[in-house]
Amino acid sequence: MFSNGQWIFGILFALAFAVLIFLAYRKDLKLHKKYYKGSVWVLIAFIAFILMISAIKYIFV
């Protein structure tokens, strides 16, 4: 399905992309802490909501 060259390119691209994203995040870390201070609570609420919906589905099905 994929040639060896395509696999190698895909792996190298994914690694380079991950490294660049990590470096960009580290560069903007001070701004993230300033502007997105309470965003972790939004993430926790979203995960809790999804878990609640899943629990309701498994209880009533």
Protein backbone atom coordinates (compact mmCIF):
# COMPACT_ATOMS: atom_id res chain seq x y z
CA MET A 1 0.00 0.00 0.00
CA PHE A 2 2.76 2.48 0.93
CA SER A 3 6.34 2.33 -0.30
CA ASN A 4 9.29 2.44 2.08
CA GLY A 5 10.02 6.01 1.04
CA GLN A 6 6.49 7.10 1.91
CA TRP A 7 6.72 5.45 5.34
CA ILE A 8 10.05 7.14 6.04
CA PHE A 9 8.73 10.52 4.89
CA GLY A 10 5.61 10.12 7.04
CA ILE A 11 7.58 9.23 10.15
CA LEU A 12 10.11 12.04 9.65
CA PHE A 13 7.33 14.53 8.93
CA ALA A 14 5.44 13.53 12.09
CA LEU A 15 8.58 13.81 14.22
CA ALA A 16 9.54 17.19 12.75
CA PHE A 17 5.98 18.46 13.22
CA ALA A 18 5.91 17.31 16.86
CA VAL A 19 9.27 18.97 17.58
CA LEU A 20 8.19 22.25 15.97
CA ILE A 21 4.90 22.28 17.88
CA PHE A 22 6.78 21.60 21.14
CA LEU A 23 9.25 24.42 20.47
CA ALA A 24 6.46 26.85 19.58
CA TYR A 25 4.61 25.93 22.78
CA ARG A 26 7.73 26.44 24.89
CA LYS A 27 8.29 29.84 23.25
CA ASP A 28 4.75 31.01 24.10
CA LEU A 29 4.51 29.38 27.54
CA LYS A 30 4.52 32.71 29.37
CA LEU A 31 1.61 33.99 27.26
CA HIS A 32 -0.31 30.73 27.73
CA LYS A 33 -0.05 31.02 31.49
CA LYS A 34 -1.30 34.62 31.35
CA TYR A 35 -4.23 34.31 28.95
CA TYR A 36 -5.39 30.71 29.48
CA LYS A 37 -5.20 30.57 33.26
CA GLY A 38 -8.54 28.82 33.96
CA SER A 39 -8.78 26.71 30.82
CA VAL A 40 -7.90 23.49 32.64
CA TRP A 41 -11.26 23.69 34.44
CA VAL A 42 -13.06 23.92 31.11
CA LEU A 43 -11.23 20.78 29.98
CA ILE A 44 -12.15 18.94 33.20
CA ALA A 45 -15.80 20.00 32.85
CA PHE A 46 -15.87 18.84 29.22
CA ILE A 47 -14.40 15.44 30.09
CA ALA A 48 -16.83 15.08 33.01
CA PHE A 49 -19.74 15.91 30.70
CA ILE A 50 -18.65 13.28 28.15
CA LEU A 51 -18.24 10.70 30.93
CA MET A 52 -21.69 11.56 32.28
CA ILE A 53 -23.27 11.10 28.84
CA SER A 54 -21.47 7.77 28.45
CA ALA A 55 -22.61 6.62 31.89
CA ILE A 56 -26.22 7.53 31.12
CA LYS A 57 -26.00 5.64 27.84
CA TYR A 58 -24.72 2.48 29.50
CA ILE A 59 -27.21 2.68 32.36
CA PHE A 60 -30.31 3.08 30.19
CA VAL A 61 -29.35 0.83 27.26
